[in-house]
PDB file of N, CA and C in Angstrom:
ATOM      1  N   MET A   1      70.572 177.236  56.598  1.00  0.00           N
ATOM      2  CA  MET A   1      70.900 175.768  56.777  1.00  0.00           C
ATOM      3  C   MET A   1      71.129 175.718  58.285  1.00  0.00           C
ATOM      4  N   ASN A   2      70.816 174.564  58.780  1.00  0.00           N
ATOM      5  CA  ASN A   2      71.035 174.286  60.163  1.00  0.00           C
ATOM      6  C   ASN A   2      72.515 174.278  60.513  1.00  0.00           C
ATOM      7  N   THR A   3      72.825 174.879  61.594  1.00  0.00           N
ATOM      8  CA  THR A   3      74.326 175.097  61.955  1.00  0.00           C
ATOM      9  C   THR A   3      75.054 173.776  62.230  1.00  0.00           C
ATOM     10  N   ILE A   4      74.466 172.830  62.823  1.00  0.00           N
ATOM     11  CA  ILE A   4      75.077 171.513  62.931  1.00  0.00           C
ATOM     12  C   ILE A   4      75.264 170.888  61.626  1.00  0.00           C
ATOM     13  N   VAL A   5      74.270 170.889  60.770  1.00  0.00           N
ATOM     14  CA  VAL A   5      74.448 170.191  59.471  1.00  0.00           C
ATOM     15  C   VAL A   5      75.483 170.917  58.628  1.00  0.00           C
ATOM     16  N   ARG A   6      75.517 172.357  58.619  1.00  0.00           N
ATOM     17  CA  ARG A   6      76.451 173.047  57.962  1.00  0.00           C
ATOM     18  C   ARG A   6      77.843 172.790  58.430  1.00  0.00           C
ATOM     19  N   THR A   7      78.064 172.683  59.790  1.00  0.00           N
ATOM     20  CA  THR A   7      79.237 172.281  60.394  1.00  0.00           C
ATOM     21  C   THR A   7      79.729 170.941  59.935  1.00  0.00           C
ATOM     22  N   LYS A   8      78.833 169.838  59.881  1.00  0.00           N
ATOM     23  CA  LYS A   8      79.273 168.654  59.626  1.00  0.00           C
ATOM     24  C   LYS A   8      79.579 168.429  58.012  1.00  0.00           C
ATOM     25  N   LEU A   9      78.731 169.186  57.316  1.00  0.00           N
ATOM     26  CA  LEU A   9      79.065 169.278  55.842  1.00  0.00           C
ATOM     27  C   LEU A   9      80.411 169.904  55.577  1.00  0.00           C
ATOM     28  N   CYS A  10      80.692 170.961  56.229  1.00  0.00           N
ATOM     29  CA  CYS A  10      81.981 171.699  55.990  1.00  0.00           C
ATOM     30  C   CYS A  10      83.242 170.733  56.486  1.00  0.00           C
ATOM     31  N   THR A  11      83.026 170.103  57.629  1.00  0.00           N
ATOM     32  CA  THR A  11      84.028 169.095  58.161  1.00  0.00           C
ATOM     33  C   THR A  11      84.257 168.053  56.979  1.00  0.00           C
ATOM     34  N   ALA A  12      83.162 167.484  56.680  1.00  0.00           N
ATOM     35  CA  ALA A  12      83.205 166.388  55.562  1.00  0.00           C
ATOM     36  C   ALA A  12      84.082 166.802  54.377  1.00  0.00           C
ATOM     37  N   ILE A  13      83.656 167.951  53.826  1.00  0.00           N
ATOM     38  CA  ILE A  13      84.345 168.603  52.626  1.00  0.00           C
ATOM     39  C   ILE A  13      85.794 168.735  52.967  1.00  0.00           C
ATOM     40  N   VAL A  14      86.148 169.373  54.008  1.00  0.00           N
ATOM     41  CA  VAL A  14      87.547 169.716  54.395  1.00  0.00           C
ATOM     42  C   VAL A  14      88.230 168.322  54.547  1.00  0.00           C
ATOM     43  N   CYS A  15      87.490 167.348  55.055  1.00  0.00           N
ATOM     44  CA  CYS A  15      88.100 166.060  55.316  1.00  0.00           C
ATOM     45  C   CYS A  15      88.468 165.392  53.897  1.00  0.00           C
ATOM     46  N   LEU A  16      87.626 165.427  52.994  1.00  0.00           N
ATOM     47  CA  LEU A  16      87.795 164.931  51.660  1.00  0.00           C
ATOM     48  C   LEU A  16      88.965 165.651  50.955  1.00  0.00           C
ATOM     49  N   TYR A  17      88.985 166.955  51.061  1.00  0.00           N
ATOM     50  CA  TYR A  17      90.190 167.616  50.511  1.00  0.00           C
ATOM     51  C   TYR A  17      91.435 167.416  51.250  1.00  0.00           C
ATOM     52  N   GLY A  18      91.281 167.513  52.637  1.00  0.00           N
ATOM     53  CA  GLY A  18      92.574 167.430  53.330  1.00  0.00           C
ATOM     54  C   GLY A  18      93.156 166.029  53.304  1.00  0.00           C
ATOM     55  N   ALA A  19      92.300 165.012  53.378  1.00  0.00           N
ATOM     56  CA  ALA A  19      92.786 163.655  53.420  1.00  0.00           C
ATOM     57  C   ALA A  19      93.659 163.348  52.217  1.00  0.00           C
ATOM     58  N   THR A  20      93.375 163.922  51.032  1.00  0.00           N
ATOM     59  CA  THR A  20      94.141 163.615  49.856  1.00  0.00           C
ATOM     60  C   THR A  20      95.594 164.210  49.970  1.00  0.00           C
ATOM     61  N   ALA A  21      95.622 165.399  50.523  1.00  0.00           N
ATOM     62  CA  ALA A  21      97.044 165.966  50.586  1.00  0.00           C
ATOM     63  C   ALA A  21      97.648 166.007  51.894  1.00  0.00           C
ATOM     64  N   LEU A  22      96.874 165.427  52.970  1.00  0.00           N
ATOM     65  CA  LEU A  22      97.374 165.429  54.328  1.00  0.00           C
ATOM     66  C   LEU A  22      98.675 164.535  54.567  1.00  0.00           C
ATOM     67  N   CYS A  23      99.619 165.076  55.044  1.00  0.00           N
ATOM     68  CA  CYS A  23     100.873 164.459  55.378  1.00  0.00           C
ATOM     69  C   CYS A  23     101.545 163.771  54.200  1.00  0.00           C
ATOM     70  N   THR A  24     101.469 164.600  53.009  1.00  0.00           N
ATOM     71  CA  THR A  24     102.232 164.220  51.765  1.00  0.00           C
ATOM     72  C   THR A  24     103.639 164.691  52.045  1.00  0.00           C
ATOM     73  N   LEU A  25     104.533 163.844  51.963  1.00  0.00           N
ATOM     74  CA  LEU A  25     105.944 163.953  52.360  1.00  0.00           C
ATOM     75  C   LEU A  25     106.874 163.512  51.290  1.00  0.00           C
ATOM     76  N   GLN A  26     107.858 164.216  51.195  1.00  0.00           N
ATOM     77  CA  GLN A  26     109.062 163.826  50.312  1.00  0.00           C
ATOM     78  C   GLN A  26     110.001 163.038  51.177  1.00  0.00           C
ATOM     79  N   VAL A  27     110.334 161.806  50.676  1.00  0.00           N
ATOM     80  CA  VAL A  27     111.378 160.924  51.309  1.00  0.00           C
ATOM     81  C   VAL A  27     112.785 161.648  51.195  1.00  0.00           C
ATOM     82  N   ALA A  28     113.401 161.447  52.357  1.00  0.00           N
ATOM     83  CA  ALA A  28     114.750 162.092  52.281  1.00  0.00           C
ATOM     84  C   ALA A  28     115.533 161.395  51.177  1.00  0.00           C
ATOM     85  N   ASN A  29     115.395 160.255  50.716  1.00  0.00           N
ATOM     86  CA  ASN A  29     116.081 159.660  49.624  1.00  0.00           C
ATOM     87  C   ASN A  29     115.455 160.340  48.403  1.00  0.00           C
ATOM     88  N   ALA A  30     116.356 160.963  47.604  1.00  0.00           N
ATOM     89  CA  ALA A  30     116.039 161.660  46.324  1.00  0.00           C
ATOM     90  C   ALA A  30     115.627 160.665  45.269  1.00  0.00           C
ATOM     91  N   ALA A  31     115.994 159.467  45.398  1.00  0.00           N
ATOM     92  CA  ALA A  31     115.576 158.520  44.327  1.00  0.00           C
ATOM     93  C   ALA A  31     114.268 157.971  44.555  1.00  0.00           C
ATOM     94  N   ALA A  32     113.595 158.333  45.649  1.00  0.00           N
ATOM     95  CA  ALA A  32     112.126 157.843  45.757  1.00  0.00           C
ATOM     96  C   ALA A  32     111.206 158.273  44.756  1.00  0.00           C
ATOM     97  N   ASP A  33     110.575 157.287  44.010  1.00  0.00           N
ATOM     98  CA  ASP A  33     109.496 157.716  42.955  1.00  0.00           C
ATOM     99  C   ASP A  33     108.136 158.362  43.580  1.00  0.00           C
ATOM    100  N   ALA A  34     107.667 157.577  44.468  1.00  0.00           N
ATOM    101  CA  ALA A  34     106.354 157.961  45.067  1.00  0.00           C
ATOM    102  C   ALA A  34     106.457 158.616  46.378  1.00  0.00           C
ATOM    103  N   LEU A  35     105.625 159.645  46.586  1.00  0.00           N
ATOM    104  CA  LEU A  35     105.647 160.365  47.836  1.00  0.00           C
ATOM    105  C   LEU A  35     104.766 159.627  48.811  1.00  0.00           C
ATOM    106  N   PRO A  36     105.387 159.416  50.026  1.00  0.00           N
ATOM    107  CA  PRO A  36     104.422 158.625  51.033  1.00  0.00           C
ATOM    108  C   PRO A  36     103.327 159.574  51.545  1.00  0.00           C
ATOM    109  N   THR A  37     102.286 158.997  51.804  1.00  0.00           N
ATOM    110  CA  THR A  37     101.104 159.545  52.329  1.00  0.00           C
ATOM    111  C   THR A  37     100.522 158.731  53.340  1.00  0.00           C
ATOM    112  N   ARG A  38      99.722 159.463  54.244  1.00  0.00           N
ATOM    113  CA  ARG A  38      98.949 158.809  55.238  1.00  0.00           C
ATOM    114  C   ARG A  38      97.614 159.486  55.424  1.00  0.00           C
ATOM    115  N   ARG A  39      96.500 158.942  55.237  1.00  0.00           N
ATOM    116  CA  ARG A  39      95.279 159.493  55.457  1.00  0.00           C
ATOM    117  C   ARG A  39      94.971 159.634  56.906  1.00  0.00           C
ATOM    118  N   VAL A  40      94.614 160.748  57.330  1.00  0.00           N
ATOM    119  CA  VAL A  40      94.225 160.939  58.683  1.00  0.00           C
ATOM    120  C   VAL A  40      92.715 161.410  58.776  1.00  0.00           C
ATOM    121  N   SER A  41      91.757 160.564  59.287  1.00  0.00           N
ATOM    122  CA  SER A  41      90.414 160.894  59.302  1.00  0.00           C
ATOM    123  C   SER A  41      90.119 161.570  60.597  1.00  0.00           C
ATOM    124  N   TYR A  42      89.238 162.592  60.425  1.00  0.00           N
ATOM    125  CA  TYR A  42      88.717 163.375  61.657  1.00  0.00           C
ATOM    126  C   TYR A  42      87.364 163.681  61.508  1.00  0.00           C
ATOM    127  N   ALA A  43      86.657 162.914  60.687  1.00  0.00           N
ATOM    128  CA  ALA A  43      85.154 163.120  60.540  1.00  0.00           C
ATOM    129  C   ALA A  43      84.434 162.785  61.870  1.00  0.00           C
ATOM    130  N   ASP A  44      85.003 162.045  62.740  1.00  0.00           N
ATOM    131  CA  ASP A  44      84.306 161.738  63.976  1.00  0.00           C
ATOM    132  C   ASP A  44      84.629 162.887  65.039  1.00  0.00           C
ATOM    133  N   LEU A  45      85.423 163.901  64.780  1.00  0.00           N
ATOM    134  CA  LEU A  45      85.864 164.774  65.796  1.00  0.00           C
ATOM    135  C   LEU A  45      85.173 166.232  65.446  1.00  0.00           C
ATOM    136  N   ASP A  46      84.985 166.915  66.523  1.00  0.00           N
ATOM    137  CA  ASP A  46      84.522 168.468  66.302  1.00  0.00           C
ATOM    138  C   ASP A  46      85.910 169.226  66.628  1.00  0.00           C
ATOM    139  N   ILE A  47      86.520 169.538  65.465  1.00  0.00           N
ATOM    140  CA  ILE A  47      88.043 170.244  65.544  1.00  0.00           C
ATOM    141  C   ILE A  47      87.857 171.652  65.848  1.00  0.00           C
ATOM    142  N   SER A  48      86.649 172.177  65.986  1.00  0.00           N
ATOM    143  CA  SER A  48      86.411 173.660  66.349  1.00  0.00           C
ATOM    144  C   SER A  48      86.600 173.687  67.879  1.00  0.00           C
ATOM    145  N   LYS A  49      86.642 172.646  68.599  1.00  0.00           N
ATOM    146  CA  LYS A  49      86.592 172.577  70.020  1.00  0.00           C
ATOM    147  C   LYS A  49      88.133 171.969  70.399  1.00  0.00           C
ATOM    148  N   PRO A  50      88.564 172.456  71.567  1.00  0.00           N
ATOM    149  CA  PRO A  50      89.936 171.859  72.024  1.00  0.00           C
ATOM    150  C   PRO A  50      90.062 170.375  72.128  1.00  0.00           C
ATOM    151  N   PRO A  51      89.109 169.727  72.714  1.00  0.00           N
ATOM    152  CA  PRO A  51      89.421 168.386  72.710  1.00  0.00           C
ATOM    153  C   PRO A  51      89.523 167.680  71.416  1.00  0.00           C
ATOM    154  N   GLY A  52      88.654 167.967  70.460  1.00  0.00           N
ATOM    155  CA  GLY A  52      88.723 167.517  69.081  1.00  0.00           C
ATOM    156  C   GLY A  52      90.041 167.832  68.329  1.00  0.00           C
ATOM    157  N   ALA A  53      90.584 169.122  68.580  1.00  0.00           N
ATOM    158  CA  ALA A  53      91.697 169.573  67.922  1.00  0.00           C
ATOM    159  C   ALA A  53      92.900 168.793  68.520  1.00  0.00           C
ATOM    160  N   LYS A  54      92.963 168.463  69.811  1.00  0.00           N
ATOM    161  CA  LYS A  54      93.999 167.759  70.476  1.00  0.00           C
ATOM    162  C   LYS A  54      94.024 166.298  69.940  1.00  0.00           C
ATOM    163  N   VAL A  55      92.908 165.579  69.834  1.00  0.00           N
ATOM    164  CA  VAL A  55      92.885 164.338  69.306  1.00  0.00           C
ATOM    165  C   VAL A  55      93.420 164.296  67.814  1.00  0.00           C
ATOM    166  N   LEU A  56      92.992 165.250  67.049  1.00  0.00           N
ATOM    167  CA  LEU A  56      93.334 165.340  65.624  1.00  0.00           C
ATOM    168  C   LEU A  56      94.901 165.671  65.551  1.00  0.00           C
ATOM    169  N   TYR A  57      95.420 166.381  66.392  1.00  0.00           N
ATOM    170  CA  TYR A  57      96.780 166.760  66.438  1.00  0.00           C
ATOM    171  C   TYR A  57      97.699 165.491  66.719  1.00  0.00           C
ATOM    172  N   ARG A  58      97.234 164.747  67.771  1.00  0.00           N
ATOM    173  CA  ARG A  58      97.826 163.360  68.082  1.00  0.00           C
ATOM    174  C   ARG A  58      97.876 162.491  66.927  1.00  0.00           C
ATOM    175  N   ARG A  59      96.743 162.466  66.206  1.00  0.00           N
ATOM    176  CA  ARG A  59      96.742 161.684  64.920  1.00  0.00           C
ATOM    177  C   ARG A  59      97.705 162.009  63.892  1.00  0.00           C
ATOM    178  N   ILE A  60      97.694 163.424  63.671  1.00  0.00           N
ATOM    179  CA  ILE A  60      98.574 163.911  62.670  1.00  0.00           C
ATOM    180  C   ILE A  60     100.016 163.648  63.002  1.00  0.00           C
ATOM    181  N   THR A  61     100.387 163.946  64.260  1.00  0.00           N
ATOM    182  CA  THR A  61     101.708 163.557  64.750  1.00  0.00           C
ATOM    183  C   THR A  61     102.120 162.120  64.557  1.00  0.00           C
ATOM    184  N   ALA A  62     101.244 161.236  64.860  1.00  0.00           N
ATOM    185  CA  ALA A  62     101.498 159.741  64.711  1.00  0.00           C
ATOM    186  C   ALA A  62     101.697 159.463  63.275  1.00  0.00           C
ATOM    187  N   ALA A  63     100.818 159.978  62.372  1.00  0.00           N
ATOM    188  CA  ALA A  63     100.952 159.771  60.866  1.00  0.00           C
ATOM    189  C   ALA A  63     102.276 160.269  60.367  1.00  0.00           C
ATOM    190  N   ALA A  64     102.792 161.415  60.799  1.00  0.00           N
ATOM    191  CA  ALA A  64     104.035 161.964  60.481  1.00  0.00           C
ATOM    192  C   ALA A  64     105.155 160.999  60.684  1.00  0.00           C
ATOM    193  N   HIS A  65     105.063 160.432  61.964  1.00  0.00           N
ATOM    194  CA  HIS A  65     106.126 159.605  62.377  1.00  0.00           C
ATOM    195  C   HIS A  65     106.122 158.302  61.613  1.00  0.00           C
ATOM    196  N   GLU A  66     104.962 157.850  61.144  1.00  0.00           N
ATOM    197  CA  GLU A  66     104.844 156.541  60.430  1.00  0.00           C
ATOM    198  C   GLU A  66     105.373 156.781  58.966  1.00  0.00           C
ATOM    199  N   VAL A  67     105.121 157.880  58.311  1.00  0.00           N
ATOM    200  CA  VAL A  67     105.568 158.018  57.000  1.00  0.00           C
ATOM    201  C   VAL A  67     106.943 158.615  56.794  1.00  0.00           C
ATOM    202  N   CYS A  68     107.459 159.225  57.859  1.00  0.00           N
ATOM    203  CA  CYS A  68     108.827 159.687  57.737  1.00  0.00           C
ATOM    204  C   CYS A  68     109.819 158.591  58.241  1.00  0.00           C
ATOM    205  N   THR A  69     110.767 158.284  57.331  1.00  0.00           N
ATOM    206  CA  THR A  69     111.454 157.214  57.642  1.00  0.00           C
ATOM    207  C   THR A  69     112.830 157.559  58.176  1.00  0.00           C
ATOM    208  N   PHE A  70     113.314 156.834  59.107  1.00  0.00           N
ATOM    209  CA  PHE A  70     114.698 157.050  59.771  1.00  0.00           C
ATOM    210  C   PHE A  70     115.389 155.699  59.638  1.00  0.00           C
ATOM    211  N   GLU A  71     116.494 155.802  58.927  1.00  0.00           N
ATOM    212  CA  GLU A  71     117.245 154.618  58.729  1.00  0.00           C
ATOM    213  C   GLU A  71     118.019 154.111  59.931  1.00  0.00           C
ATOM    214  N   GLY A  72     117.985 154.830  60.996  1.00  0.00           N
ATOM    215  CA  GLY A  72     118.764 154.449  62.179  1.00  0.00           C
ATOM    216  C   GLY A  72     120.177 154.783  62.107  1.00  0.00           C
ATOM    217  N   VAL A  73     120.602 155.574  60.977  1.00  0.00           N
ATOM    218  CA  VAL A  73     121.953 156.015  60.917  1.00  0.00           C
ATOM    219  C   VAL A  73     122.307 156.953  61.941  1.00  0.00           C
ATOM    220  N   LYS A  74     123.432 156.891  62.503  1.00  0.00           N
ATOM    221  CA  LYS A  74     123.767 157.755  63.642  1.00  0.00           C
ATOM    222  C   LYS A  74     124.455 159.099  62.997  1.00  0.00           C
ATOM    223  N   GLU A  75     124.111 159.410  61.760  1.00  0.00           N
ATOM    224  CA  GLU A  75     124.746 160.669  61.305  1.00  0.00           C
ATOM    225  C   GLU A  75     123.729 161.867  61.749  1.00  0.00           C
ATOM    226  N   LEU A  76     124.395 162.895  62.101  1.00  0.00           N
ATOM    227  CA  LEU A  76     123.636 164.001  62.457  1.00  0.00           C
ATOM    228  C   LEU A  76     122.711 164.480  61.303  1.00  0.00           C
ATOM    229  N   ALA A  77     123.176 164.498  60.137  1.00  0.00           N
ATOM    230  CA  ALA A  77     122.447 164.901  58.990  1.00  0.00           C
ATOM    231  C   ALA A  77     121.123 164.157  58.840  1.00  0.00           C
ATOM    232  N   ALA A  78     121.193 162.824  59.032  1.00  0.00           N
ATOM    233  CA  ALA A  78     120.057 161.982  58.975  1.00  0.00           C
ATOM    234  C   ALA A  78     119.059 162.334  59.975  1.00  0.00           C
ATOM    235  N   SER A  79     119.488 162.492  61.145  1.00  0.00           N
ATOM    236  CA  SER A  79     118.649 162.896  62.207  1.00  0.00           C
ATOM    237  C   SER A  79     117.842 164.066  61.996  1.00  0.00           C
ATOM    238  N   TYR A  80     118.679 165.178  61.437  1.00  0.00           N
ATOM    239  CA  TYR A  80     117.889 166.426  61.024  1.00  0.00           C
ATOM    240  C   TYR A  80     116.993 166.264  59.914  1.00  0.00           C
ATOM    241  N   ARG A  81     117.142 165.325  58.943  1.00  0.00           N
ATOM    242  CA  ARG A  81     116.302 165.122  57.889  1.00  0.00           C
ATOM    243  C   ARG A  81     115.108 164.593  58.352  1.00  0.00           C
ATOM    244  N   TYR A  82     115.082 163.620  59.337  1.00  0.00           N
ATOM    245  CA  TYR A  82     113.954 162.882  59.953  1.00  0.00           C
ATOM    246  C   TYR A  82     113.205 163.879  60.647  1.00  0.00           C
ATOM    247  N   ARG A  83     113.749 164.611  61.378  1.00  0.00           N
ATOM    248  CA  ARG A  83     113.015 165.625  62.310  1.00  0.00           C
ATOM    249  C   ARG A  83     112.343 166.815  61.337  1.00  0.00           C
ATOM    250  N   ASP A  84     113.106 167.161  60.356  1.00  0.00           N
ATOM    251  CA  ASP A  84     112.542 168.105  59.371  1.00  0.00           C
ATOM    252  C   ASP A  84     111.298 167.425  58.565  1.00  0.00           C
ATOM    253  N   CYS A  85     111.387 166.130  58.262  1.00  0.00           N
ATOM    254  CA  CYS A  85     110.311 165.478  57.594  1.00  0.00           C
ATOM    255  C   CYS A  85     109.180 165.560  58.435  1.00  0.00           C
ATOM    256  N   ILE A  86     109.294 165.204  59.663  1.00  0.00           N
ATOM    257  CA  ILE A  86     108.126 165.119  60.702  1.00  0.00           C
ATOM    258  C   ILE A  86     107.491 166.742  60.777  1.00  0.00           C
ATOM    259  N   ASP A  87     108.351 167.634  61.101  1.00  0.00           N
ATOM    260  CA  ASP A  87     107.912 168.999  61.143  1.00  0.00           C
ATOM    261  C   ASP A  87     107.156 169.402  59.891  1.00  0.00           C
ATOM    262  N   GLN A  88     107.787 169.198  58.747  1.00  0.00           N
ATOM    263  CA  GLN A  88     106.971 169.522  57.518  1.00  0.00           C
ATOM    264  C   GLN A  88     105.725 168.893  57.308  1.00  0.00           C
ATOM    265  N   ALA A  89     105.625 167.605  57.705  1.00  0.00           N
ATOM    266  CA  ALA A  89     104.392 166.880  57.572  1.00  0.00           C
ATOM    267  C   ALA A  89     103.351 167.464  58.522  1.00  0.00           C
ATOM    268  N   ILE A  90     103.633 167.628  59.693  1.00  0.00           N
ATOM    269  CA  ILE A  90     102.702 168.283  60.663  1.00  0.00           C
ATOM    270  C   ILE A  90     102.269 169.632  60.289  1.00  0.00           C
ATOM    271  N   ASP A  91     103.253 170.546  59.756  1.00  0.00           N
ATOM    272  CA  ASP A  91     102.974 171.842  59.303  1.00  0.00           C
ATOM    273  C   ASP A  91     101.901 171.833  58.198  1.00  0.00           C
ATOM    274  N   ALA A  92     102.226 170.945  57.049  1.00  0.00           N
ATOM    275  CA  ALA A  92     101.493 170.826  56.035  1.00  0.00           C
ATOM    276  C   ALA A  92      99.970 170.341  56.394  1.00  0.00           C
ATOM    277  N   ALA A  93      99.819 169.410  57.345  1.00  0.00           N
ATOM    278  CA  ALA A  93      98.596 168.793  57.734  1.00  0.00           C
ATOM    279  C   ALA A  93      97.821 169.953  58.397  1.00  0.00           C
ATOM    280  N   VAL A  94      98.291 170.665  59.399  1.00  0.00           N
ATOM    281  CA  VAL A  94      97.698 171.693  60.094  1.00  0.00           C
ATOM    282  C   VAL A  94      97.173 172.849  59.155  1.00  0.00           C
ATOM    283  N   GLN A  95      98.067 173.194  58.171  1.00  0.00           N
ATOM    284  CA  GLN A  95      97.625 174.171  57.186  1.00  0.00           C
ATOM    285  C   GLN A  95      96.481 173.586  56.249  1.00  0.00           C
ATOM    286  N   GLN A  96      96.553 172.443  55.993  1.00  0.00           N
ATOM    287  CA  GLN A  96      95.523 171.882  55.137  1.00  0.00           C
ATOM    288  C   GLN A  96      94.157 171.794  55.789  1.00  0.00           C
ATOM    289  N   VAL A  97      94.079 171.444  57.032  1.00  0.00           N
ATOM    290  CA  VAL A  97      92.899 171.444  57.814  1.00  0.00           C
ATOM    291  C   VAL A  97      92.272 172.745  58.017  1.00  0.00           C
ATOM    292  N   ASN A  98      93.172 173.754  58.221  1.00  0.00           N
ATOM    293  CA  ASN A  98      92.736 175.132  58.321  1.00  0.00           C
ATOM    294  C   ASN A  98      91.703 175.346  59.533  1.00  0.00           C
ATOM    295  N   SER A  99      92.022 174.819  60.661  1.00  0.00           N
ATOM    296  CA  SER A  99      91.181 174.921  61.934  1.00  0.00           C
ATOM    297  C   SER A  99      91.854 175.892  62.882  1.00  0.00           C
ATOM    298  N   ALA A 100      91.192 176.857  63.339  1.00  0.00           N
ATOM    299  CA  ALA A 100      91.835 177.787  64.361  1.00  0.00           C
ATOM    300  C   ALA A 100      92.326 177.110  65.615  1.00  0.00           C
ATOM    301  N   ALA A 101      91.548 176.274  66.120  1.00  0.00           N
ATOM    302  CA  ALA A 101      91.822 175.477  67.373  1.00  0.00           C
ATOM    303  C   ALA A 101      93.257 174.559  67.041  1.00  0.00           C
ATOM    304  N   LEU A 102      93.202 173.990  65.901  1.00  0.00           N
ATOM    305  CA  LEU A 102      94.450 173.109  65.495  1.00  0.00           C
ATOM    306  C   LEU A 102      95.512 174.043  65.347  1.00  0.00           C
ATOM    307  N   SER A 103      95.394 175.067  64.540  1.00  0.00           N
ATOM    308  CA  SER A 103      96.473 176.015  64.449  1.00  0.00           C
ATOM    309  C   SER A 103      97.058 176.588  65.742  1.00  0.00           C
ATOM    310  N   GLU A 104      96.254 176.867  66.593  1.00  0.00           N
ATOM    311  CA  GLU A 104      96.613 177.514  67.914  1.00  0.00           C
ATOM    312  C   GLU A 104      97.343 176.469  68.676  1.00  0.00           C
ATOM    313  N   LEU A 105      96.907 175.184  68.682  1.00  0.00           N
ATOM    314  CA  LEU A 105      97.525 174.021  69.408  1.00  0.00           C
ATOM    315  C   LEU A 105      99.019 173.745  68.783  1.00  0.00           C
ATOM    316  N   HIS A 106      98.953 173.900  67.504  1.00  0.00           N
ATOM    317  CA  HIS A 106     100.300 173.553  66.809  1.00  0.00           C
ATOM    318  C   HIS A 106     101.241 174.657  67.185  1.00  0.00           C
ATOM    319  N   PHE A 107     101.007 175.904  67.034  1.00  0.00           N
ATOM    320  CA  PHE A 107     101.976 176.989  67.139  1.00  0.00           C
ATOM    321  C   PHE A 107     102.288 177.448  68.471  1.00  0.00           C
ATOM    322  N   THR A 108     101.358 177.111  69.485  1.00  0.00           N
ATOM    323  CA  THR A 108     101.577 177.609  70.843  1.00  0.00           C
ATOM    324  C   THR A 108     101.740 176.514  71.776  1.00  0.00           C
ATOM    325  N   GLY A 109     101.105 175.239  71.360  1.00  0.00           N
ATOM    326  CA  GLY A 109     101.141 174.098  72.271  1.00  0.00           C
ATOM    327  C   GLY A 109      99.995 174.110  73.225  1.00  0.00           C
ATOM    328  N   VAL A 110      99.224 175.131  73.207  1.00  0.00           N
ATOM    329  CA  VAL A 110      97.990 175.140  74.161  1.00  0.00           C
ATOM    330  C   VAL A 110      96.945 175.803  73.470  1.00  0.00           C
ATOM    331  N   ILE A 111      95.710 175.461  73.909  1.00  0.00           N
ATOM    332  CA  ILE A 111      94.526 175.982  73.407  1.00  0.00           C
ATOM    333  C   ILE A 111      93.937 176.972  74.474  1.00  0.00           C
ATOM    334  N   HIS A 112      93.633 178.142  74.145  1.00  0.00           N
ATOM    335  CA  HIS A 112      92.969 179.000  75.159  1.00  0.00           C
ATOM    336  C   HIS A 112      91.434 178.937  74.995  1.00  0.00           C
ATOM    337  N   LEU A 113      90.901 178.788  75.971  1.00  0.00           N
ATOM    338  CA  LEU A 113      89.266 178.676  75.955  1.00  0.00           C
ATOM    339  C   LEU A 113      88.786 180.026  76.011  1.00  0.00           C
ATOM    340  N   ALA A 114      87.826 180.327  75.155  1.00  0.00           N
ATOM    341  CA  ALA A 114      87.235 181.634  75.169  1.00  0.00           C
ATOM    342  C   ALA A 114      86.446 181.920  76.414  1.00  0.00           C
ATOM    343  N   GLY A 115      86.532 183.045  77.063  1.00  0.00           N
ATOM    344  CA  GLY A 115      85.754 183.491  78.149  1.00  0.00           C
ATOM    345  C   GLY A 115      86.222 182.937  79.392  1.00  0.00           C
ATOM    346  N   ILE A 116      87.493 182.269  79.469  1.00  0.00           N
ATOM    347  CA  ILE A 116      88.006 181.822  80.724  1.00  0.00           C
ATOM    348  C   ILE A 116      89.276 182.655  80.963  1.00  0.00           C
TER     349      ILE A 116
END
């Protein structure tokens, strides 16, 4: 199979699986019935390369900030729950996508280019 076609097909499949579970978060409020979700599309990106991984990481981070609620309470515990929600959402999304470039960006903050 053509490498480009195979890459796009794999990306589309991962997108379908990943989008359903991407950024599924539990609300800090234990009484919440539905888990908030946010679909993050990356079908337009080549996430095997650093520029595409960076764009996807920004999208994932933005989605995590949208679905994690912060009541504005000045309690330290509420602030920790909010930050923990965001961290868990980003971690889960990165794991779900399963891209080496995205994982490297998430865990190290930088992407090293091969051969440089």
